[in-house]
């Protein structure tokens, strides 16, 4: 008991003297601190409310309204492109893009467009994820393009790419990120294919979920186009080129409709970026944009000029002397130079059949270079054909005046000889050679080549692009006869001897008219361009085919087999199905 009473007072005294006063002091401090915290918190809240309501009130009210009502664009689908039988050449697919965060302005300045791409492509899955996460306004959904035939029709159909800043500045129908045609039909008919975008106003909640639709403006789809091209023939022509440098043109000589138009090498319009920087010029549209010396296919013009100018007629004959010498210069015939043989007397038909250089040297001399140049332009050389595709070039038809003005040189007789057989400075395009052949095949009817035959519901009239040239029927008859002989035994186009197709086990011979061409172009190794142009059937031409192979060799050996296989396919698989 004494121990307990002794200990009790001791501990009590300590509690009363030391512990209790210390607790009371702590309570006072805590109380004061709590008041300070409350004052600071309420002060911050008060000043924040003043800032939001008074200082930034008007701005926040506008933002609130904009966040509640959203304007969303509805992309217009581009017009579909089909071939003459309704098979799809170009179709629409959705393309998803997101604004490139790396292109956001830094210190008020934006990176140049060629340095930073405004939008980047994303997958459909990525687009859906952004929509679900409430970031759908960052997604740009466009109408992209798909090209089922890929490289086979790339130059013809063209491709689309993002609009440039220049296009945005000049056309209010475009917005940043839109697509526009960059080549081929996609470019030349952009105004029809593009369509007009629509829009909708929607009300959204705080989670960006659509509450209701306020208003809507429906998009106007682009106009569908139907091309004159036969899709199967187009693909076959591409396959026959086998990626060699060159071009194939197929026309309807009676209307100017393009049945096939192929250039090689090519690119994939579904993945254009993969072909950028290639050294083989995949975007070079050789069929309409490549200018080459034509070689002997030009003798069709020389023959026609001689007949029209009255310098020769059906009975005119010249002797093949093997060569012509003028001073120190020699001008030989190909048959004499290769085999050391001459061909005696030749009239116009046999001269075309044998492509005899001596005959055409003399005709060119009689006609003269100035009139020969004028007749070349009558047949479409030295000027645009007017085909409804971008990238066509005029080529070049030389003349004494041109040579003096451009080169400061005189024109000599040797220049006339070379001009008459398709050499000298003469440059033509494959589409021009096909047009020349069509004029002869149709008996003097000049038709502007074109690829679109239907725009929406409006069909293009077949004779809308044609006119009759002032060429005598006798002239085209004799030239056609010579071209028919060139494809018969004894002519220069041996691959077409006895040409025909087999139908139901029965061989049907088809008469054709053609001209070979082997053109020198100054290659240090002596390479030549191979040309071949043909119309068929001879009695009622339905199709003209022109083939050019760059640096491939002789026309009869290299270009003629391509034309033969294409015509065989046409008559066995295409025309029979019409």
Protein backbone atom coordinates (compact mmCIF):
# COMPACT_ATOMS: atom_id res chain seq x y z
CA UNK A 1 0.00 0.00 0.00
CA UNK A 2 2.78 2.44 0.88
CA UNK A 3 4.48 1.58 -2.34
CA UNK A 4 1.30 2.20 -4.35
CA UNK A 5 0.55 5.49 -2.60
CA UNK A 6 4.11 6.55 -3.12
CA UNK A 7 4.10 5.77 -6.79
CA UNK A 8 0.64 7.20 -7.42
CA UNK A 9 1.34 10.75 -6.39
CA UNK A 10 4.65 10.77 -8.21
CA UNK A 11 3.07 9.86 -11.58
CA UNK A 12 0.12 12.14 -11.05
CA UNK A 13 2.39 15.07 -10.33
CA UNK A 14 4.31 14.45 -13.52
CA UNK A 15 1.14 14.25 -15.56
CA UNK A 16 -0.18 17.42 -14.09
CA UNK A 17 3.06 19.34 -14.34
CA UNK A 18 4.45 18.20 -17.73
CA UNK A 19 2.15 16.13 -19.99
CA UNK A 20 -1.13 17.99 -19.64
CA UNK A 21 0.19 21.49 -20.35
CA UNK A 22 2.06 20.24 -23.51
CA UNK A 23 -1.18 18.73 -25.00
CA UNK A 24 -3.06 21.94 -24.50
CA UNK A 25 -0.37 23.89 -26.35
CA UNK A 26 -0.53 21.50 -29.36
CA UNK A 27 -4.31 21.85 -29.61
CA UNK A 28 -4.03 25.64 -29.86
CA UNK A 29 -1.45 25.40 -32.69
CA UNK A 30 -3.50 22.86 -34.61
CA UNK A 31 -6.58 24.99 -34.32
CA UNK A 32 -4.81 28.04 -35.70
CA UNK A 33 -3.25 26.03 -38.58
CA UNK A 34 -6.65 24.66 -39.61
CA UNK A 35 -8.02 28.20 -39.84
CA UNK A 36 -5.12 29.28 -42.02
CA UNK A 37 -5.62 26.30 -44.37
CA UNK A 38 -9.33 27.00 -44.67
CA UNK A 39 -8.69 30.66 -45.45
CA UNK A 40 -6.11 29.77 -48.16
CA UNK A 41 -8.35 27.10 -49.77
CA UNK A 42 -11.41 29.32 -49.86
CA UNK A 43 -9.27 32.16 -51.12
CA UNK A 44 -7.98 30.06 -54.02
CA UNK A 45 -11.50 28.91 -54.84
CA UNK A 46 -12.80 32.45 -54.71
CA UNK A 47 -10.10 33.84 -56.98
CA UNK A 48 -10.55 30.86 -59.39
CA UNK A 49 -14.27 31.56 -59.61
CA UNK A 50 -13.58 35.22 -60.27
CA UNK A 51 -11.09 34.24 -63.02
CA UNK A 52 -13.45 31.78 -64.69
CA UNK A 53 -16.63 33.81 -64.32
CA UNK A 54 -15.40 37.36 -64.79
CA UNK A 55 -12.05 37.36 -66.61
CA UNK A 56 -12.55 34.28 -68.86
CA UNK A 57 -16.32 34.09 -68.69
CA UNK A 58 -17.15 35.04 -72.31
CA UNK A 59 -14.49 32.76 -73.77
CA UNK A 60 -15.57 29.79 -71.68
CA UNK A 61 -19.20 30.28 -72.63
CA UNK A 62 -18.21 30.07 -76.34
CA UNK A 63 -16.09 26.98 -75.72
CA UNK A 64 -18.90 25.37 -73.81
CA UNK A 65 -21.28 25.86 -76.72
CA UNK A 66 -18.69 24.54 -79.23
CA UNK A 67 -18.06 21.47 -77.15
CA UNK A 68 -21.78 20.80 -76.94
CA UNK A 69 -22.54 21.21 -80.67
CA UNK A 70 -20.01 19.63 -83.05
CA UNK A 71 -19.77 20.10 -86.83
CA UNK A 72 -18.63 16.95 -88.60
CA UNK A 73 -17.78 16.64 -92.27
CA UNK A 74 -19.28 13.84 -94.37
CA UNK A 75 -16.79 12.98 -97.11
CA UNK A 76 -18.26 12.66 -100.60
CA UNK A 77 -17.41 9.43 -102.42
CA UNK A 78 -15.44 9.91 -105.64
CA UNK A 79 -16.90 8.74 -108.91
CA UNK A 80 -16.26 5.13 -109.88
CA UNK A 81 -14.25 4.41 -113.06
CA UNK A 82 -15.23 1.41 -115.20
CA UNK A 83 -14.19 -0.05 -118.53
CA UNK A 84 -16.44 -0.23 -121.60
CA UNK A 85 -18.04 -3.47 -120.35
CA UNK A 86 -18.71 -2.24 -116.84
CA UNK A 87 -15.75 -3.86 -115.12
CA UNK A 88 -14.36 -1.74 -112.29
CA UNK A 89 -11.00 -0.08 -112.89
CA UNK A 90 -11.07 2.26 -109.87
CA UNK A 91 -13.20 1.96 -106.74
CA UNK A 92 -13.58 3.66 -103.36
CA UNK A 93 -12.26 2.50 -99.99
CA UNK A 94 -12.27 4.28 -96.60
CA UNK A 95 -9.00 5.90 -95.55
CA UNK A 96 -8.37 6.88 -91.92
CA UNK A 97 -6.01 9.65 -90.92
CA UNK A 98 -5.01 11.38 -87.72
CA UNK A 99 -3.55 14.82 -87.32
CA UNK A 100 0.20 14.54 -86.87
CA UNK A 101 0.98 15.68 -83.31
CA UNK A 102 4.57 16.34 -84.36
CA UNK A 103 3.30 19.08 -86.68
CA UNK A 104 1.74 21.16 -83.92
CA UNK A 105 3.02 24.77 -83.93
CA UNK A 106 6.11 25.43 -81.84
CA UNK A 107 6.43 29.01 -80.53
CA UNK A 108 3.66 29.99 -82.92
CA UNK A 109 5.47 28.65 -86.00
CA UNK A 110 4.54 25.57 -88.03
CA UNK A 111 6.97 23.26 -89.80
CA UNK A 112 6.86 23.49 -93.62
CA UNK A 113 4.54 20.98 -95.34
CA UNK A 114 7.45 19.28 -97.06
CA UNK A 115 9.12 18.73 -93.70
CA UNK A 116 6.17 17.68 -91.58
CA UNK A 117 3.17 15.82 -92.99
CA UNK A 118 -0.07 17.34 -91.69
CA UNK A 119 -1.89 14.01 -91.40
CA UNK A 120 -0.63 10.46 -90.97
CA UNK A 121 -2.44 7.33 -92.11
CA UNK A 122 -3.81 5.02 -89.44
CA UNK A 123 -5.55 1.67 -89.58
CA UNK A 124 -9.28 1.12 -89.16
CA UNK A 125 -8.61 -0.48 -85.78
CA UNK A 126 -6.65 2.57 -84.61
CA UNK A 127 -9.47 4.83 -85.75
CA UNK A 128 -12.01 2.80 -83.79
CA UNK A 129 -9.86 2.93 -80.66
CA UNK A 130 -9.69 6.72 -80.89
CA UNK A 131 -13.46 6.91 -81.30
CA UNK A 132 -14.04 4.71 -78.24
CA UNK A 133 -11.61 6.73 -76.13
CA UNK A 134 -13.44 9.96 -76.93
CA UNK A 135 -10.84 11.24 -79.40
CA UNK A 136 -12.93 10.76 -82.51
CA UNK A 137 -12.52 14.41 -83.46
CA UNK A 138 -8.84 13.68 -84.13
CA UNK A 139 -9.74 11.13 -86.82
CA UNK A 140 -10.19 12.22 -90.43
CA UNK A 141 -12.14 9.72 -92.51
CA UNK A 142 -11.63 10.14 -96.24
CA UNK A 143 -12.73 8.34 -99.35
CA UNK A 144 -9.61 6.67 -100.71
CA UNK A 145 -9.07 4.73 -103.93
CA UNK A 146 -8.33 1.16 -104.86
CA UNK A 147 -6.92 0.13 -108.24
CA UNK A 148 -7.64 -3.58 -108.83
CA UNK A 149 -5.39 -3.87 -111.90
CA UNK A 150 -2.42 -2.18 -110.24
CA UNK A 151 0.54 -1.62 -112.55
CA UNK A 152 -1.31 -2.67 -115.71
CA UNK A 153 -3.49 0.46 -115.82
CA UNK A 154 -1.54 2.83 -113.58
CA UNK A 155 -0.67 5.50 -116.19
CA UNK A 156 -4.16 5.38 -117.66
CA UNK A 157 -6.21 5.65 -114.46
CA UNK A 158 -3.60 7.64 -112.54
CA UNK A 159 -3.74 7.92 -108.77
CA UNK A 160 -4.80 10.32 -106.00
CA UNK A 161 -2.75 12.14 -103.39
CA UNK A 162 -3.22 14.75 -100.68
CA UNK A 163 -4.19 18.20 -101.93
CA UNK A 164 -1.42 20.75 -102.08
CA UNK A 165 -1.48 24.15 -100.40
CA UNK A 166 -1.82 25.70 -103.87
CA UNK A 167 -4.97 23.67 -104.52
CA UNK A 168 -6.37 24.68 -101.13
CA UNK A 169 -5.73 28.32 -101.93
CA UNK A 170 -7.47 28.22 -105.31
CA UNK A 171 -10.40 25.86 -104.66
CA UNK A 172 -12.73 26.29 -101.69
CA UNK A 173 -14.17 22.79 -102.16
CA UNK A 174 -11.00 21.25 -100.74
CA UNK A 175 -9.94 20.97 -97.12
CA UNK A 176 -6.61 20.00 -95.60
CA UNK A 177 -6.17 16.24 -95.90
CA UNK A 178 -8.47 15.83 -98.93
CA UNK A 179 -7.37 13.72 -101.88
CA UNK A 180 -7.18 14.86 -105.51
CA UNK A 181 -6.15 13.30 -108.80
CA UNK A 182 -2.45 13.48 -109.61
CA UNK A 183 -2.21 11.63 -112.92
CA UNK A 184 -4.22 10.00 -115.69
CA UNK A 185 -8.02 10.02 -115.68
CA UNK A 186 -8.01 10.81 -111.96
CA UNK A 187 -6.37 14.15 -112.74
CA UNK A 188 -7.94 15.13 -116.07
CA UNK A 189 -11.46 14.48 -114.77
CA UNK A 190 -10.89 15.61 -111.16
CA UNK A 191 -13.72 18.15 -111.32
CA UNK A 192 -16.23 15.41 -112.14
CA UNK A 193 -14.82 12.69 -109.92
CA UNK A 194 -14.28 14.79 -106.79
CA UNK A 195 -17.87 15.31 -105.63
CA UNK A 196 -18.92 17.74 -102.90
CA UNK A 197 -18.62 16.99 -99.17
CA UNK A 198 -21.62 17.13 -96.85
CA UNK A 199 -21.78 18.02 -93.14
CA UNK A 200 -23.76 17.32 -89.96
CA UNK A 201 -24.26 19.14 -86.68
CA UNK A 202 -24.56 16.84 -83.66
CA UNK A 203 -25.07 17.41 -79.94
CA UNK A 204 -22.67 15.46 -77.70
CA UNK A 205 -22.45 14.90 -73.97
CA UNK A 206 -19.40 15.29 -71.74
CA UNK A 207 -18.12 11.90 -72.90
CA UNK A 208 -18.37 12.96 -76.58
CA UNK A 209 -21.22 10.54 -77.14
CA UNK A 210 -23.75 11.78 -79.71
CA UNK A 211 -27.01 12.80 -78.03
CA UNK A 212 -28.93 13.88 -81.13
CA UNK A 213 -28.45 15.07 -84.69
CA UNK A 214 -29.15 18.77 -85.10
CA UNK A 215 -28.93 19.06 -88.91
CA UNK A 216 -27.42 17.34 -91.91
CA UNK A 217 -26.31 18.29 -95.42
CA UNK A 218 -25.96 15.23 -97.62
CA UNK A 219 -22.74 14.87 -99.66
CA UNK A 220 -22.91 14.89 -103.45
CA UNK A 221 -21.06 11.92 -104.90
CA UNK A 222 -18.65 12.37 -107.79
CA UNK A 223 -19.76 11.45 -111.29
CA UNK A 224 -19.00 7.92 -112.48
CA UNK A 225 -16.95 7.53 -115.66
CA UNK A 226 -16.96 4.79 -118.26
CA UNK A 227 -13.78 4.40 -120.29
CA UNK A 228 -13.47 3.11 -123.83
CA UNK A 229 -10.74 0.78 -122.62
CA UNK A 230 -11.25 -2.97 -122.75
CA UNK A 231 -9.92 -4.12 -119.37
CA UNK A 232 -8.86 -7.61 -120.48
CA UNK A 233 -7.01 -6.19 -123.48
CA UNK A 234 -5.28 -3.65 -121.25
CA UNK A 235 -4.03 -6.36 -118.90
CA UNK A 236 -2.92 -8.55 -121.81
CA UNK A 237 -0.94 -5.68 -123.36
CA UNK A 238 0.84 -5.12 -120.06
CA UNK A 239 1.70 -8.80 -119.78
CA UNK A 240 3.08 -8.86 -123.33
CA UNK A 241 5.41 -5.95 -122.65
CA UNK A 242 6.88 -8.08 -119.87
CA UNK A 243 8.24 -4.97 -118.09
CA UNK A 244 10.40 -3.99 -121.07
CA UNK A 245 10.68 -0.25 -121.67
CA UNK A 246 8.04 0.73 -124.17
CA UNK A 247 4.39 1.33 -124.89
CA UNK A 248 1.34 -0.26 -126.49
CA UNK A 249 -1.55 1.71 -127.96
CA UNK A 250 -4.78 0.19 -129.28
CA UNK A 251 -7.42 2.40 -130.95
CA UNK A 252 -10.73 2.04 -132.70
CA UNK A 253 -9.87 3.75 -136.03
CA UNK A 254 -13.49 4.63 -136.71
CA UNK A 255 -14.07 6.62 -133.51
CA UNK A 256 -10.71 7.35 -131.86
CA UNK A 257 -11.73 5.38 -128.78
CA UNK A 258 -8.74 4.04 -126.86
CA UNK A 259 -9.00 0.28 -126.36
CA UNK A 260 -5.72 -0.12 -124.50
CA UNK A 261 -2.99 2.29 -123.40
CA UNK A 262 0.00 0.81 -121.63
CA UNK A 263 3.37 2.19 -120.60
CA UNK A 264 6.25 0.23 -119.11
CA UNK A 265 7.94 0.30 -116.62
CA UNK A 266 4.99 1.14 -114.40
CA UNK A 267 4.13 1.69 -110.74
CA UNK A 268 1.52 0.45 -108.29
CA UNK A 269 -1.09 3.20 -107.80
CA UNK A 270 -2.12 1.48 -104.56
CA UNK A 271 1.33 2.15 -103.09
CA UNK A 272 2.82 5.07 -105.01
CA UNK A 273 5.48 5.82 -102.40
CA UNK A 274 7.22 2.51 -103.10
CA UNK A 275 8.11 3.67 -106.63
CA UNK A 276 9.43 7.11 -105.73
CA UNK A 277 13.10 7.47 -106.52
CA UNK A 278 13.30 4.51 -108.91
CA UNK A 279 15.79 5.05 -111.72
CA UNK A 280 13.71 3.36 -114.45
CA UNK A 281 11.22 6.26 -114.58
CA UNK A 282 8.05 4.34 -113.66
CA UNK A 283 5.89 7.50 -113.81
CA UNK A 284 6.99 8.36 -117.37
CA UNK A 285 3.91 7.89 -119.58
CA UNK A 286 5.72 6.70 -122.71
CA UNK A 287 2.55 6.10 -124.72
CA UNK A 288 1.70 9.80 -124.89
CA UNK A 289 4.67 11.58 -123.32
CA UNK A 290 7.62 9.80 -124.92
CA UNK A 291 8.99 11.31 -128.16
CA UNK A 292 11.11 9.00 -130.35
CA UNK A 293 12.40 8.88 -133.93
CA UNK A 294 9.83 6.72 -135.78
CA UNK A 295 12.01 5.10 -138.39
CA UNK A 296 10.23 3.42 -141.28
CA UNK A 297 6.68 3.69 -139.91
CA UNK A 298 6.94 7.32 -141.08
CA UNK A 299 7.17 6.13 -144.68
CA UNK A 300 3.37 6.03 -144.59
CA UNK A 301 3.43 9.85 -144.46
CA UNK A 302 6.13 10.13 -147.14
CA UNK A 303 4.15 7.87 -149.48
CA UNK A 304 0.95 9.83 -148.86
CA UNK A 305 2.70 13.17 -149.41
CA UNK A 306 4.20 11.98 -152.72
CA UNK A 307 0.78 10.83 -153.96
CA UNK A 308 -1.10 13.92 -152.76
CA UNK A 309 1.50 16.31 -154.20
CA UNK A 310 1.30 14.52 -157.57
CA UNK A 311 4.99 13.62 -157.51
CA UNK A 312 4.23 9.91 -157.89
CA UNK A 313 1.24 7.75 -158.78
CA UNK A 314 0.31 4.08 -158.83
CA UNK A 315 2.48 3.47 -161.91
CA UNK A 316 5.58 5.39 -160.80
CA UNK A 317 8.66 3.18 -160.45
CA UNK A 318 12.12 3.82 -159.08
CA UNK A 319 15.07 1.47 -159.34
CA UNK A 320 16.71 0.21 -156.19
CA UNK A 321 20.38 1.02 -156.69
CA UNK A 322 21.36 -0.26 -153.26
CA UNK A 323 22.75 3.12 -152.25
CA UNK A 324 22.86 6.77 -153.18
CA UNK A 325 26.11 8.74 -152.93
CA UNK A 326 26.31 12.50 -152.67
CA UNK A 327 29.89 13.65 -152.43
CA UNK A 328 31.48 11.95 -149.46
CA UNK A 329 28.11 10.88 -148.03
CA UNK A 330 26.44 7.55 -148.61
CA UNK A 331 22.74 6.68 -148.12
CA UNK A 332 22.02 2.97 -148.38
CA UNK A 333 18.99 0.68 -148.40
CA UNK A 334 18.67 -1.67 -145.41
CA UNK A 335 18.36 -4.77 -147.63
CA UNK A 336 21.52 -3.92 -149.51
CA UNK A 337 23.43 -3.08 -146.33
CA UNK A 338 22.45 -6.35 -144.61
CA UNK A 339 22.43 -8.82 -147.51
CA UNK A 340 24.19 -7.01 -150.40
CA UNK A 341 21.11 -7.42 -152.61
CA UNK A 342 19.02 -5.02 -154.68
CA UNK A 343 15.30 -5.18 -155.45
CA UNK A 344 15.04 -3.80 -159.00
CA UNK A 345 12.16 -1.56 -160.01
CA UNK A 346 9.55 -0.76 -157.34
CA UNK A 347 6.22 1.03 -157.39
CA UNK A 348 4.58 2.58 -154.31
CA UNK A 349 2.87 -0.62 -153.16
CA UNK A 350 5.97 -2.77 -153.42
CA UNK A 351 8.12 -0.02 -151.86
CA UNK A 352 5.90 -0.02 -148.77
CA UNK A 353 5.85 -3.82 -148.73
CA UNK A 354 9.64 -3.97 -148.75
CA UNK A 355 10.20 -0.70 -146.85
CA UNK A 356 12.70 0.26 -149.55
CA UNK A 357 14.80 3.25 -148.47
CA UNK A 358 15.99 4.18 -151.99
CA UNK A 359 12.38 4.65 -153.17
CA UNK A 360 11.51 6.90 -150.23
CA UNK A 361 14.73 8.91 -150.50
CA UNK A 362 13.64 9.87 -154.01
CA UNK A 363 10.04 10.58 -153.03
CA UNK A 364 11.23 12.81 -150.18
CA UNK A 365 13.51 14.66 -152.60
CA UNK A 366 10.61 15.24 -155.02
CA UNK A 367 8.20 16.43 -152.33
CA UNK A 368 10.77 18.58 -150.54
CA UNK A 369 11.28 18.92 -146.80
CA UNK A 370 8.93 21.87 -146.26
CA UNK A 371 5.90 20.19 -147.84
CA UNK A 372 6.83 16.88 -146.22
CA UNK A 373 6.79 18.62 -142.84
CA UNK A 374 3.36 20.08 -143.60
CA UNK A 375 1.98 16.66 -144.54
CA UNK A 376 3.45 15.19 -141.37
CA UNK A 377 1.34 17.68 -139.41
CA UNK A 378 -1.76 16.73 -141.42
CA UNK A 379 -1.28 13.20 -140.11
CA UNK A 380 -0.97 14.50 -136.55
CA UNK A 381 2.77 14.79 -136.00
CA UNK A 382 4.31 17.83 -134.33
CA UNK A 383 1.08 18.65 -132.47
CA UNK A 384 -0.98 17.24 -129.64
CA UNK A 385 -3.55 14.60 -130.51
CA UNK A 386 -5.81 16.10 -127.85
CA UNK A 387 -6.26 12.89 -125.92
CA UNK A 388 -8.10 13.55 -122.64
CA UNK A 389 -5.14 12.68 -120.44
CA UNK A 390 -2.42 14.89 -118.95
CA UNK A 391 1.23 14.61 -119.92
CA UNK A 392 1.01 14.48 -123.72
CA UNK A 393 3.88 16.02 -125.73
CA UNK A 394 3.89 17.36 -129.29
CA UNK A 395 7.05 15.72 -130.52
CA UNK A 396 9.02 17.47 -133.25
CA UNK A 397 8.68 17.82 -137.02
CA UNK A 398 11.86 19.39 -138.46
CA UNK A 399 12.01 21.70 -141.45
CA UNK A 400 14.63 23.92 -143.11
CA UNK A 401 13.20 26.98 -141.34
CA UNK A 402 13.21 25.18 -137.98
CA UNK A 403 16.80 24.01 -138.39
CA UNK A 404 18.06 27.46 -139.31
CA UNK A 405 16.16 29.12 -136.45
CA UNK A 406 16.91 26.57 -133.72
CA UNK A 407 20.34 25.29 -134.74
CA UNK A 408 21.69 28.03 -136.94
CA UNK A 409 22.41 25.43 -139.65
CA UNK A 410 21.47 24.95 -143.28
CA UNK A 411 19.28 22.11 -144.45
CA UNK A 412 20.96 19.70 -146.92
CA UNK A 413 19.66 17.01 -149.25
CA UNK A 414 20.96 14.37 -146.87
CA UNK A 415 18.66 15.81 -144.19
CA UNK A 416 15.73 15.33 -146.57
CA UNK A 417 16.73 11.70 -147.18
CA UNK A 418 16.82 11.01 -143.45
CA UNK A 419 13.56 12.86 -142.88
CA UNK A 420 11.79 10.82 -145.56
CA UNK A 421 12.58 7.54 -143.78
CA UNK A 422 11.70 8.79 -140.29
CA UNK A 423 15.10 9.82 -138.98
CA UNK A 424 16.86 13.23 -138.82
CA UNK A 425 15.46 15.30 -135.92
CA UNK A 426 11.95 13.86 -136.28
CA UNK A 427 10.36 12.79 -132.96
CA UNK A 428 6.90 11.26 -132.52
CA UNK A 429 4.87 9.60 -129.79
CA UNK A 430 3.29 6.13 -129.90
CA UNK A 431 -0.20 7.67 -129.75
CA UNK A 432 0.64 9.80 -132.82
CA UNK A 433 1.78 6.75 -134.78
CA UNK A 434 -1.46 4.97 -133.86
CA UNK A 435 -3.46 8.01 -134.97
CA UNK A 436 -1.60 8.10 -138.31
CA UNK A 437 -2.36 4.43 -138.85
CA UNK A 438 -6.02 5.04 -137.99
CA UNK A 439 -6.25 7.77 -140.65
CA UNK A 440 -5.00 5.38 -143.32
CA UNK A 441 -7.12 2.48 -142.03
CA UNK A 442 -10.32 4.57 -142.05
CA UNK A 443 -9.72 6.01 -145.50
CA UNK A 444 -8.79 9.53 -144.41
CA UNK A 445 -10.91 9.94 -141.29
CA UNK A 446 -9.14 11.83 -138.51
CA UNK A 447 -10.40 10.96 -135.02
CA UNK A 448 -9.10 12.49 -131.81
CA UNK A 449 -8.06 9.73 -129.41
CA UNK A 450 -10.08 9.72 -126.18
CA UNK A 451 -10.60 7.43 -123.21
CA UNK A 452 -13.88 8.56 -121.63
CA UNK A 453 -17.07 7.53 -123.43
CA UNK A 454 -19.62 8.11 -120.68
CA UNK A 455 -19.87 10.76 -117.96
CA UNK A 456 -22.58 9.85 -115.51
CA UNK A 457 -25.64 9.32 -117.69
CA UNK A 458 -24.29 11.21 -120.71
CA UNK A 459 -22.74 9.13 -123.46
CA UNK A 460 -20.16 10.61 -125.81
CA UNK A 461 -21.20 10.53 -129.46
CA UNK A 462 -18.91 8.35 -131.57
CA UNK A 463 -18.51 10.98 -134.30
CA UNK A 464 -18.00 13.81 -131.83
CA UNK A 465 -14.22 13.54 -132.20
CA UNK A 466 -13.93 12.78 -135.93
CA UNK A 467 -13.58 14.75 -139.15
CA UNK A 468 -12.79 13.87 -142.75
CA UNK A 469 -9.37 14.99 -144.00
CA UNK A 470 -8.84 16.36 -147.47
CA UNK A 471 -6.98 13.29 -148.67
CA UNK A 472 -7.91 11.51 -151.89
CA UNK A 473 -9.38 8.03 -151.63
CA UNK A 474 -6.80 6.79 -154.15
CA UNK A 475 -4.00 7.85 -151.80
CA UNK A 476 -5.28 5.94 -148.77
CA UNK A 477 -6.17 2.96 -151.00
CA UNK A 478 -2.63 2.61 -152.34
CA UNK A 479 -1.01 3.08 -148.93
CA UNK A 480 -3.36 0.52 -147.35
CA UNK A 481 -2.58 -1.92 -150.15
CA UNK A 482 1.15 -1.51 -149.51
CA UNK A 483 0.64 -2.08 -145.78
CA UNK A 484 -1.40 -5.21 -146.44
CA UNK A 485 1.41 -6.51 -148.65
CA UNK A 486 3.93 -5.82 -145.86
CA UNK A 487 2.14 -8.45 -143.75
CA UNK A 488 2.01 -11.01 -146.54
CA UNK A 489 4.80 -13.41 -147.52
CA UNK A 490 7.64 -11.41 -149.03
CA UNK A 491 6.90 -8.37 -146.89
CA UNK A 492 8.93 -7.12 -143.93
CA UNK A 493 6.46 -8.21 -141.20
CA UNK A 494 7.11 -11.97 -141.29
CA UNK A 495 5.37 -12.69 -137.91
CA UNK A 496 2.06 -11.78 -139.59
CA UNK A 497 2.36 -14.02 -142.62
CA UNK A 498 -0.91 -16.04 -142.74
CA UNK A 499 -2.19 -14.41 -139.56
CA UNK A 500 -5.42 -15.70 -138.06
CA UNK A 501 -7.09 -17.23 -135.02
CA UNK A 502 -8.58 -20.62 -134.25
CA UNK A 503 -12.24 -20.68 -133.22
CA UNK A 504 -13.94 -23.94 -132.27
CA UNK A 505 -11.07 -25.89 -133.77
CA UNK A 506 -11.26 -24.04 -137.10
CA UNK A 507 -8.51 -21.66 -138.24
CA UNK A 508 -9.81 -18.37 -139.57
CA UNK A 509 -7.35 -16.23 -141.49
CA UNK A 510 -7.47 -12.49 -140.84
CA UNK A 511 -6.00 -10.07 -143.35
CA UNK A 512 -4.17 -7.13 -141.76
CA UNK A 513 -2.23 -4.08 -142.87
CA UNK A 514 1.00 -3.08 -141.13
CA UNK A 515 4.29 -1.24 -141.17
CA UNK A 516 7.55 -2.06 -139.42
CA UNK A 517 10.04 0.46 -138.12
CA UNK A 518 13.62 0.31 -136.86
CA UNK A 519 14.83 3.70 -135.66
CA UNK A 520 18.34 4.82 -134.86
CA UNK A 521 18.62 7.25 -131.98
CA UNK A 522 22.35 7.82 -131.58
CA UNK A 523 23.06 5.00 -129.15
CA UNK A 524 26.83 4.45 -128.88
CA UNK A 525 26.30 0.69 -129.08
CA UNK A 526 24.14 0.94 -132.19
CA UNK A 527 20.87 0.04 -130.47
CA UNK A 528 17.62 0.91 -132.24
CA UNK A 529 14.01 1.45 -131.23
CA UNK A 530 11.63 -1.25 -132.45
CA UNK A 531 8.32 -0.04 -133.94
CA UNK A 532 5.31 -1.84 -135.33
CA UNK A 533 1.88 -0.55 -136.26
CA UNK A 534 -1.03 -2.58 -137.66
CA UNK A 535 -4.75 -2.38 -138.43
CA UNK A 536 -7.19 -5.29 -138.68
CA UNK A 537 -9.18 -6.67 -140.38
CA UNK A 538 -7.85 -5.05 -143.54
CA UNK A 539 -11.22 -4.89 -145.32
CA UNK A 540 -13.08 -3.35 -142.33
CA UNK A 541 -10.65 -2.19 -139.65
CA UNK A 542 -11.87 -2.53 -136.07
CA UNK A 543 -8.62 -2.00 -134.25
CA UNK A 544 -5.22 -0.35 -134.64
CA UNK A 545 -2.29 -1.54 -132.52
CA UNK A 546 1.00 0.33 -132.24
CA UNK A 547 3.97 -1.06 -130.31
CA UNK A 548 7.20 0.70 -129.34
CA UNK A 549 10.09 -1.02 -127.56
CA UNK A 550 12.94 1.26 -126.52
CA UNK A 551 16.36 0.15 -127.73
CA UNK A 552 15.05 -3.35 -128.41
CA UNK A 553 16.29 -3.89 -131.98
CA UNK A 554 14.36 -4.42 -135.22
CA UNK A 555 10.64 -3.81 -135.38
CA UNK A 556 9.83 -7.01 -137.26
CA UNK A 557 11.67 -9.19 -134.74
CA UNK A 558 10.79 -7.46 -131.46
CA UNK A 559 7.69 -5.27 -131.73
CA UNK A 560 5.70 -7.27 -134.31
CA UNK A 561 5.35 -10.42 -132.11
CA UNK A 562 3.85 -8.28 -129.32
CA UNK A 563 1.29 -6.83 -131.71
CA UNK A 564 0.54 -10.27 -133.12
CA UNK A 565 -0.15 -11.80 -129.72
CA UNK A 566 -2.33 -8.86 -128.72
CA UNK A 567 -4.38 -9.05 -131.92
CA UNK A 568 -4.74 -12.81 -131.54
CA UNK A 569 -6.09 -12.26 -128.03
CA UNK A 570 -8.40 -9.51 -129.24
CA UNK A 571 -10.01 -11.56 -132.00
CA UNK A 572 -10.25 -14.78 -129.99
CA UNK A 573 -11.16 -13.46 -126.51
CA UNK A 574 -12.45 -9.90 -126.81
CA UNK A 575 -14.22 -9.04 -130.07
CA UNK A 576 -16.02 -12.39 -130.14
CA UNK A 577 -17.54 -11.61 -126.73
CA UNK A 578 -18.92 -8.18 -127.70
